[in-house]
C-alpha cells in the first residue's frame, strides 16, 4: 500500500527513524485540505513509541479540523540531526515521514495525561509544565495519529 523508498541507499534504519521522531521538537502535520490542496502546518508533538502514536494539541475549529472531518488520513514529517563530516561544507540531515490516521481524543483523562507528556518535552522543568497545564487544560484539544507506515532517510545536501 505504501511506496518503497526510491533511493534505497539513503534509507536509515527504522530504529534511527523512530529516534529522530522521538527527539525532534517540531514536525509538519499535513492533511487533505480544501479543494484538493494539501494543508501542512508545523506543530509541537509527543511521540509515544510504545504505542506507535503521535500526539499534538490544537484549536477546536479551523482548516485542520474541517479537513480531518472529511478525511482522517494524514502525513507527519520531522527532520533534523544535521551534522557535518570532517572536510565537508554541506550537511548530512535525516528525516522521518509517517503516514497514518488522525483522530480527536475525547477522553479528558487521556487528554490530560498526554498533554502532560507533551508539556514535559517543551517546558524547562516539571513545575512550569504543571503550572501551565492547570491554567490551560480546559481549552486544550488533543489529536492522536496512529502510525500506519514510517520511513526515514539521510541526505547529503550538496
N, C-alpha and C. Protein backbone atom coordinates (compact mmCIF):
# COMPACT_ATOMS: atom_id res chain seq x y z
N UNK A 1 0.82 -1.19 0.00
CA UNK A 1 0.00 0.00 0.00
C UNK A 1 0.87 1.26 0.00
N UNK A 2 1.96 1.27 0.75
CA UNK A 2 2.84 2.43 0.78
C UNK A 2 4.04 2.17 -0.12
N UNK A 3 4.49 3.21 -0.78
CA UNK A 3 5.62 3.07 -1.71
C UNK A 3 6.92 2.78 -0.98
N UNK A 4 7.75 2.03 -1.66
CA UNK A 4 9.12 1.82 -1.18
C UNK A 4 9.92 3.08 -1.50
N UNK A 5 10.93 3.33 -0.70
CA UNK A 5 11.79 4.47 -0.94
C UNK A 5 12.53 4.27 -2.26
N UNK A 6 12.56 5.32 -3.07
CA UNK A 6 13.18 5.23 -4.39
C UNK A 6 14.70 5.12 -4.29
N UNK A 7 15.31 5.95 -3.49
CA UNK A 7 16.77 5.92 -3.32
C UNK A 7 17.10 5.16 -2.04
N UNK A 8 17.10 3.87 -2.16
CA UNK A 8 17.25 2.98 -1.02
C UNK A 8 18.57 3.20 -0.28
N UNK A 9 19.59 3.70 -0.98
CA UNK A 9 20.88 3.92 -0.33
C UNK A 9 20.80 5.04 0.72
N UNK A 10 19.77 5.87 0.64
CA UNK A 10 19.59 6.95 1.61
C UNK A 10 18.77 6.53 2.83
N UNK A 11 18.22 5.33 2.79
CA UNK A 11 17.34 4.86 3.86
C UNK A 11 18.13 4.68 5.16
N UNK A 12 17.51 5.10 6.27
CA UNK A 12 18.07 4.83 7.59
C UNK A 12 17.23 3.74 8.23
N UNK A 13 17.75 3.14 9.27
CA UNK A 13 17.02 2.05 9.93
C UNK A 13 15.72 2.57 10.55
N UNK A 14 14.79 1.68 10.76
CA UNK A 14 13.54 2.04 11.41
C UNK A 14 13.82 2.59 12.81
N UNK A 15 14.78 2.00 13.49
CA UNK A 15 15.15 2.47 14.83
C UNK A 15 15.66 3.91 14.79
N UNK A 16 16.52 4.23 13.82
CA UNK A 16 17.02 5.60 13.68
C UNK A 16 15.89 6.57 13.32
N UNK A 17 14.96 6.12 12.49
CA UNK A 17 13.82 6.97 12.13
C UNK A 17 12.95 7.24 13.35
N UNK A 18 12.75 6.23 14.18
CA UNK A 18 11.96 6.41 15.41
C UNK A 18 12.68 7.30 16.41
N UNK A 19 14.00 7.17 16.49
CA UNK A 19 14.78 8.02 17.39
C UNK A 19 14.65 9.49 16.98
N UNK A 20 14.71 9.74 15.70
CA UNK A 20 14.55 11.11 15.20
C UNK A 20 13.16 11.64 15.58
N UNK A 21 12.15 10.81 15.37
CA UNK A 21 10.78 11.19 15.71
C UNK A 21 10.65 11.46 17.21
N UNK A 22 11.33 10.69 18.03
CA UNK A 22 11.26 10.87 19.48
C UNK A 22 11.99 12.12 19.95
N UNK A 23 13.05 12.50 19.26
CA UNK A 23 13.92 13.55 19.77
C UNK A 23 13.72 14.94 19.18
N UNK A 24 13.13 15.04 18.02
CA UNK A 24 12.94 16.37 17.43
C UNK A 24 11.82 17.11 18.15
N UNK A 25 11.83 18.43 18.04
CA UNK A 25 10.86 19.26 18.76
C UNK A 25 9.61 19.59 17.94
N UNK A 26 9.76 19.70 16.63
CA UNK A 26 8.63 20.10 15.80
C UNK A 26 8.52 19.22 14.56
N UNK A 27 7.27 19.06 14.13
CA UNK A 27 7.03 18.31 12.92
C UNK A 27 6.05 19.06 12.05
N UNK A 28 5.92 18.59 10.82
CA UNK A 28 4.97 19.17 9.88
C UNK A 28 3.81 18.19 9.74
N UNK A 29 2.63 18.67 10.07
CA UNK A 29 1.40 17.88 10.02
C UNK A 29 0.65 18.26 8.75
N UNK A 30 0.34 17.27 7.91
CA UNK A 30 -0.31 17.55 6.62
C UNK A 30 -1.60 16.76 6.48
N UNK A 31 -2.61 17.46 5.96
CA UNK A 31 -3.92 16.85 5.71
C UNK A 31 -4.34 17.15 4.27
N UNK A 32 -5.40 16.49 3.84
CA UNK A 32 -6.01 16.80 2.55
C UNK A 32 -6.92 17.99 2.79
N UNK A 33 -6.52 19.15 2.30
CA UNK A 33 -7.24 20.39 2.59
C UNK A 33 -8.35 20.70 1.61
N UNK A 34 -8.74 21.96 1.60
CA UNK A 34 -9.84 22.43 0.75
C UNK A 34 -9.52 22.28 -0.73
N UNK A 35 -10.52 21.87 -1.49
CA UNK A 35 -10.44 21.78 -2.95
C UNK A 35 -9.27 20.92 -3.44
N UNK A 36 -8.88 19.92 -2.65
CA UNK A 36 -7.81 19.01 -3.05
C UNK A 36 -6.41 19.52 -2.81
N UNK A 37 -6.28 20.72 -2.22
CA UNK A 37 -4.95 21.25 -1.93
C UNK A 37 -4.46 20.69 -0.59
N UNK A 38 -3.20 20.28 -0.52
CA UNK A 38 -2.66 19.85 0.77
C UNK A 38 -2.59 21.03 1.72
N UNK A 39 -2.72 20.76 3.00
CA UNK A 39 -2.59 21.78 4.04
C UNK A 39 -1.61 21.23 5.07
N UNK A 40 -0.48 21.90 5.23
CA UNK A 40 0.58 21.42 6.13
C UNK A 40 0.98 22.54 7.08
N UNK A 41 1.07 22.20 8.36
CA UNK A 41 1.43 23.19 9.37
C UNK A 41 2.43 22.60 10.36
N UNK A 42 3.32 23.44 10.90
CA UNK A 42 4.24 22.96 11.93
C UNK A 42 3.52 22.81 13.27
N UNK A 43 3.84 21.76 13.99
CA UNK A 43 3.25 21.53 15.32
C UNK A 43 4.30 21.00 16.28
N UNK A 44 4.11 21.31 17.57
CA UNK A 44 4.85 20.64 18.63
C UNK A 44 4.13 19.33 18.88
N UNK A 45 4.86 18.30 19.26
CA UNK A 45 4.24 16.99 19.36
C UNK A 45 4.95 16.12 20.40
N UNK A 46 4.32 15.02 20.74
CA UNK A 46 4.89 14.00 21.60
C UNK A 46 4.72 12.65 20.90
N UNK A 47 5.80 11.89 20.81
CA UNK A 47 5.76 10.57 20.19
C UNK A 47 5.73 9.51 21.28
N UNK A 48 4.68 8.71 21.30
CA UNK A 48 4.54 7.58 22.21
C UNK A 48 5.06 6.35 21.48
N UNK A 49 6.32 6.06 21.70
CA UNK A 49 7.00 4.98 20.98
C UNK A 49 6.37 3.62 21.27
N UNK A 50 6.00 3.39 22.51
CA UNK A 50 5.45 2.09 22.90
C UNK A 50 4.16 1.75 22.15
N UNK A 51 3.31 2.75 21.96
CA UNK A 51 2.01 2.53 21.31
C UNK A 51 1.96 2.99 19.86
N UNK A 52 3.09 3.48 19.33
CA UNK A 52 3.18 3.96 17.95
C UNK A 52 2.13 5.02 17.65
N UNK A 53 2.09 6.05 18.51
CA UNK A 53 1.14 7.15 18.35
C UNK A 53 1.90 8.48 18.44
N UNK A 54 1.37 9.48 17.79
CA UNK A 54 1.88 10.84 17.88
C UNK A 54 0.74 11.71 18.38
N UNK A 55 1.05 12.57 19.35
CA UNK A 55 0.04 13.46 19.94
C UNK A 55 0.45 14.91 19.74
N UNK A 56 -0.53 15.76 19.46
CA UNK A 56 -0.30 17.19 19.40
C UNK A 56 -1.61 17.88 19.78
N UNK A 57 -1.53 19.14 20.16
CA UNK A 57 -2.74 19.86 20.53
C UNK A 57 -3.02 20.95 19.50
N UNK A 58 -4.24 21.42 19.52
CA UNK A 58 -4.61 22.45 18.56
C UNK A 58 -5.98 23.02 18.87
N UNK A 59 -6.43 23.87 18.00
CA UNK A 59 -7.72 24.55 18.17
C UNK A 59 -8.87 23.57 17.95
N UNK A 60 -10.03 23.98 18.42
CA UNK A 60 -11.23 23.16 18.29
C UNK A 60 -11.98 23.41 16.99
N UNK A 61 -11.52 24.38 16.22
CA UNK A 61 -12.13 24.64 14.92
C UNK A 61 -11.07 25.20 13.98
N UNK A 62 -11.37 25.16 12.69
CA UNK A 62 -10.44 25.70 11.71
C UNK A 62 -10.20 24.74 10.55
N UNK A 63 -9.24 25.12 9.72
CA UNK A 63 -8.93 24.38 8.50
C UNK A 63 -8.56 22.92 8.79
N UNK A 64 -7.69 22.73 9.77
CA UNK A 64 -7.23 21.38 10.12
C UNK A 64 -8.40 20.48 10.53
N UNK A 65 -9.28 21.01 11.38
CA UNK A 65 -10.41 20.23 11.88
C UNK A 65 -11.38 19.90 10.75
N UNK A 66 -11.66 20.89 9.92
CA UNK A 66 -12.56 20.65 8.78
C UNK A 66 -12.00 19.57 7.87
N UNK A 67 -10.70 19.61 7.62
CA UNK A 67 -10.07 18.61 6.75
C UNK A 67 -10.15 17.22 7.37
N UNK A 68 -9.89 17.12 8.68
CA UNK A 68 -9.92 15.81 9.36
C UNK A 68 -11.32 15.22 9.39
N UNK A 69 -12.34 16.05 9.41
CA UNK A 69 -13.71 15.56 9.39
C UNK A 69 -14.02 14.88 8.05
N UNK A 70 -13.37 15.36 6.99
CA UNK A 70 -13.59 14.80 5.65
C UNK A 70 -12.72 13.58 5.39
N UNK A 71 -11.50 13.61 5.93
CA UNK A 71 -10.53 12.53 5.64
C UNK A 71 -9.51 12.47 6.77
N UNK A 72 -9.45 11.34 7.45
CA UNK A 72 -8.55 11.21 8.60
C UNK A 72 -7.13 10.77 8.22
N UNK A 73 -6.87 10.57 6.94
CA UNK A 73 -5.52 10.19 6.51
C UNK A 73 -4.60 11.40 6.53
N UNK A 74 -3.43 11.23 7.16
CA UNK A 74 -2.50 12.35 7.33
C UNK A 74 -1.07 11.91 7.05
N UNK A 75 -0.22 12.90 6.93
CA UNK A 75 1.22 12.70 6.82
C UNK A 75 1.87 13.59 7.88
N UNK A 76 2.91 13.08 8.51
CA UNK A 76 3.64 13.83 9.53
C UNK A 76 5.12 13.65 9.27
N UNK A 77 5.86 14.75 9.21
CA UNK A 77 7.28 14.71 8.86
C UNK A 77 8.11 15.48 9.88
N UNK A 78 9.22 14.90 10.28
CA UNK A 78 10.21 15.60 11.09
C UNK A 78 11.54 15.52 10.37
N UNK A 79 12.39 16.51 10.62
CA UNK A 79 13.73 16.47 10.04
C UNK A 79 14.70 17.12 11.00
N UNK A 80 15.94 16.71 10.92
CA UNK A 80 16.95 17.24 11.82
C UNK A 80 18.19 16.38 11.81
N UNK A 81 18.82 16.29 12.98
CA UNK A 81 20.05 15.50 13.12
C UNK A 81 21.11 15.98 12.14
N UNK A 82 21.10 17.27 11.87
CA UNK A 82 22.06 17.80 10.91
C UNK A 82 23.48 17.70 11.49
N UNK A 83 24.38 17.22 10.67
CA UNK A 83 25.77 17.08 11.09
C UNK A 83 26.68 17.22 9.89
N UNK A 84 27.94 17.49 10.18
CA UNK A 84 28.95 17.66 9.14
C UNK A 84 30.04 16.63 9.36
N UNK A 85 30.53 16.10 8.28
CA UNK A 85 31.70 15.22 8.36
C UNK A 85 32.93 16.08 8.11
N UNK A 86 34.01 15.69 8.71
CA UNK A 86 35.24 16.47 8.57
C UNK A 86 35.58 16.70 7.10
N UNK A 87 35.83 17.96 6.78
CA UNK A 87 36.19 18.33 5.42
C UNK A 87 35.02 18.66 4.51
N UNK A 88 33.79 18.41 4.96
CA UNK A 88 32.61 18.70 4.16
C UNK A 88 32.04 20.06 4.53
N UNK A 89 31.59 20.81 3.55
CA UNK A 89 30.91 22.08 3.81
C UNK A 89 29.40 21.89 3.82
N UNK A 90 28.93 20.78 3.23
CA UNK A 90 27.49 20.55 3.14
C UNK A 90 27.06 19.55 4.21
N UNK A 91 25.89 19.78 4.82
CA UNK A 91 25.47 18.92 5.92
C UNK A 91 24.83 17.62 5.47
N UNK A 92 24.84 16.67 6.39
CA UNK A 92 24.03 15.47 6.30
C UNK A 92 22.84 15.74 7.21
N UNK A 93 21.63 15.40 6.78
CA UNK A 93 20.47 15.55 7.64
C UNK A 93 19.55 14.35 7.44
N UNK A 94 18.71 14.13 8.43
CA UNK A 94 17.80 12.99 8.40
C UNK A 94 16.36 13.47 8.46
N UNK A 95 15.47 12.64 7.97
CA UNK A 95 14.04 12.92 8.07
C UNK A 95 13.29 11.62 8.31
N UNK A 96 12.14 11.77 8.95
CA UNK A 96 11.22 10.65 9.15
C UNK A 96 9.87 11.09 8.62
N UNK A 97 9.27 10.24 7.81
CA UNK A 97 7.93 10.51 7.27
C UNK A 97 6.99 9.43 7.79
N UNK A 98 5.87 9.89 8.32
CA UNK A 98 4.86 9.00 8.89
C UNK A 98 3.57 9.17 8.11
N UNK A 99 2.94 8.06 7.79
CA UNK A 99 1.58 8.08 7.24
C UNK A 99 0.69 7.41 8.28
N UNK A 100 -0.47 7.97 8.50
CA UNK A 100 -1.36 7.39 9.49
C UNK A 100 -2.73 8.02 9.45
N UNK A 101 -3.47 7.76 10.50
CA UNK A 101 -4.82 8.29 10.65
C UNK A 101 -4.88 9.10 11.93
N UNK A 102 -5.57 10.22 11.83
CA UNK A 102 -5.63 11.16 12.95
C UNK A 102 -7.05 11.26 13.48
N UNK A 103 -7.14 11.32 14.79
CA UNK A 103 -8.46 11.48 15.41
C UNK A 103 -8.35 12.40 16.62
N UNK A 104 -9.47 12.97 16.96
CA UNK A 104 -9.61 13.81 18.13
C UNK A 104 -9.76 12.90 19.35
N UNK A 105 -9.07 13.22 20.43
CA UNK A 105 -9.22 12.47 21.68
C UNK A 105 -10.33 13.13 22.48
N UNK A 106 -11.33 12.36 22.82
CA UNK A 106 -12.50 12.88 23.54
C UNK A 106 -12.38 12.71 25.05
N UNK A 107 -11.60 11.74 25.51
CA UNK A 107 -11.47 11.41 26.92
C UNK A 107 -10.60 12.43 27.66
N UNK A 108 -11.16 13.06 28.69
CA UNK A 108 -10.45 14.12 29.44
C UNK A 108 -9.22 13.58 30.17
N UNK A 109 -9.30 12.37 30.74
CA UNK A 109 -8.15 11.80 31.46
C UNK A 109 -6.99 11.51 30.52
N UNK A 110 -7.29 10.93 29.38
CA UNK A 110 -6.24 10.64 28.39
C UNK A 110 -5.65 11.95 27.89
N UNK A 111 -6.51 12.92 27.63
CA UNK A 111 -6.03 14.23 27.16
C UNK A 111 -5.05 14.82 28.16
N UNK A 112 -5.42 14.85 29.41
CA UNK A 112 -4.54 15.44 30.42
C UNK A 112 -3.22 14.68 30.54
N UNK A 113 -3.27 13.36 30.51
CA UNK A 113 -2.04 12.57 30.62
C UNK A 113 -1.10 12.81 29.44
N UNK A 114 -1.64 12.84 28.24
CA UNK A 114 -0.81 13.03 27.05
C UNK A 114 -0.31 14.46 26.94
N UNK A 115 -1.15 15.43 27.31
CA UNK A 115 -0.72 16.82 27.28
C UNK A 115 0.39 17.04 28.32
N UNK A 116 0.32 16.34 29.43
CA UNK A 116 1.39 16.41 30.43
C UNK A 116 2.71 15.93 29.82
N UNK A 117 2.68 14.81 29.12
CA UNK A 117 3.89 14.30 28.46
C UNK A 117 4.40 15.29 27.42
N UNK A 118 3.49 15.88 26.69
CA UNK A 118 3.85 16.90 25.70
C UNK A 118 4.51 18.10 26.38
N UNK A 119 3.91 18.57 27.47
CA UNK A 119 4.44 19.73 28.19
C UNK A 119 5.83 19.44 28.75
N UNK A 120 6.04 18.26 29.28
CA UNK A 120 7.34 17.91 29.85
C UNK A 120 8.44 17.90 28.80
N UNK A 121 8.07 17.69 27.55
CA UNK A 121 9.05 17.72 26.46
C UNK A 121 9.51 19.14 26.18
N UNK A 122 8.67 20.13 26.41
CA UNK A 122 8.96 21.51 26.00
C UNK A 122 9.28 22.48 27.13
N UNK A 123 8.68 22.30 28.28
CA UNK A 123 8.93 23.23 29.39
C UNK A 123 10.24 22.86 30.09
N UNK A 124 10.92 23.86 30.65
CA UNK A 124 12.24 23.60 31.24
C UNK A 124 12.21 22.68 32.47
N UNK A 125 11.08 22.67 33.19
CA UNK A 125 11.01 21.77 34.35
C UNK A 125 9.56 21.37 34.60
N UNK A 126 9.41 20.36 35.44
CA UNK A 126 8.09 19.79 35.71
C UNK A 126 7.15 20.81 36.36
N UNK A 127 7.67 21.65 37.24
CA UNK A 127 6.84 22.64 37.92
C UNK A 127 6.19 23.61 36.93
N UNK A 128 6.97 24.11 35.98
CA UNK A 128 6.41 25.02 34.98
C UNK A 128 5.39 24.30 34.09
N UNK A 129 5.68 23.05 33.75
CA UNK A 129 4.75 22.28 32.93
C UNK A 129 3.43 22.10 33.65
N UNK A 130 3.48 21.75 34.94
CA UNK A 130 2.26 21.55 35.72
C UNK A 130 1.48 22.85 35.89
N UNK A 131 2.20 23.95 36.08
CA UNK A 131 1.56 25.25 36.22
C UNK A 131 0.78 25.61 34.94
N UNK A 132 1.40 25.41 33.80
CA UNK A 132 0.73 25.69 32.53
C UNK A 132 -0.44 24.75 32.29
N UNK A 133 -0.27 23.50 32.66
CA UNK A 133 -1.33 22.51 32.50
C UNK A 133 -2.57 22.91 33.30
N UNK A 134 -2.37 23.29 34.56
CA UNK A 134 -3.51 23.71 35.41
C UNK A 134 -4.22 24.92 34.81
N UNK A 135 -3.45 25.82 34.22
CA UNK A 135 -4.00 27.05 33.68
C UNK A 135 -4.81 26.83 32.40
N UNK A 136 -4.38 25.89 31.56
CA UNK A 136 -4.97 25.84 30.22
C UNK A 136 -5.55 24.49 29.79
N UNK A 137 -5.56 23.48 30.63
CA UNK A 137 -6.00 22.15 30.20
C UNK A 137 -7.46 22.15 29.70
N UNK A 138 -8.30 22.99 30.25
CA UNK A 138 -9.71 23.01 29.84
C UNK A 138 -9.90 23.43 28.39
N UNK A 139 -8.97 24.21 27.87
CA UNK A 139 -9.09 24.71 26.49
C UNK A 139 -8.33 23.86 25.48
N UNK A 140 -7.65 22.82 25.95
CA UNK A 140 -6.80 22.03 25.06
C UNK A 140 -7.60 20.98 24.31
N UNK A 141 -7.34 20.92 23.02
CA UNK A 141 -7.90 19.90 22.14
C UNK A 141 -6.73 18.99 21.74
N UNK A 142 -6.83 17.70 21.98
CA UNK A 142 -5.72 16.78 21.71
C UNK A 142 -6.04 15.89 20.51
N UNK A 143 -5.03 15.71 19.68
CA UNK A 143 -5.14 14.87 18.50
C UNK A 143 -4.16 13.72 18.58
N UNK A 144 -4.56 12.58 18.03
CA UNK A 144 -3.74 11.38 18.06
C UNK A 144 -3.58 10.85 16.64
N UNK A 145 -2.33 10.65 16.23
CA UNK A 145 -2.05 10.00 14.95
C UNK A 145 -1.66 8.56 15.24
N UNK A 146 -2.36 7.63 14.64
CA UNK A 146 -1.99 6.22 14.70
C UNK A 146 -1.11 5.94 13.49
N UNK A 147 0.11 5.52 13.75
CA UNK A 147 1.08 5.32 12.68
C UNK A 147 0.76 4.04 11.91
N UNK A 148 0.63 4.16 10.59
CA UNK A 148 0.41 3.01 9.72
C UNK A 148 1.68 2.65 8.95
N UNK A 149 2.51 3.67 8.68
CA UNK A 149 3.75 3.44 7.93
C UNK A 149 4.75 4.53 8.33
N UNK A 150 5.99 4.11 8.49
CA UNK A 150 7.05 5.04 8.89
C UNK A 150 8.31 4.70 8.11
N UNK A 151 9.00 5.72 7.63
CA UNK A 151 10.30 5.51 6.96
C UNK A 151 11.20 6.70 7.24
N UNK A 152 12.48 6.47 7.12
CA UNK A 152 13.42 7.55 7.35
C UNK A 152 14.56 7.51 6.35
N UNK A 153 15.16 8.68 6.13
CA UNK A 153 16.29 8.72 5.22
C UNK A 153 17.29 9.77 5.66
N UNK A 154 18.48 9.64 5.13
CA UNK A 154 19.53 10.62 5.33
C UNK A 154 19.96 11.14 3.98
N UNK A 155 20.13 12.45 3.90
CA UNK A 155 20.60 13.05 2.65
C UNK A 155 21.83 13.88 2.93
N UNK A 156 22.65 13.97 1.91
CA UNK A 156 23.85 14.79 1.94
C UNK A 156 23.56 15.96 1.02
N UNK A 157 23.33 17.12 1.60
CA UNK A 157 22.84 18.27 0.84
C UNK A 157 23.94 18.99 0.08
N UNK A 158 24.24 18.49 -1.11
CA UNK A 158 25.19 19.22 -1.95
C UNK A 158 24.69 19.31 -3.35
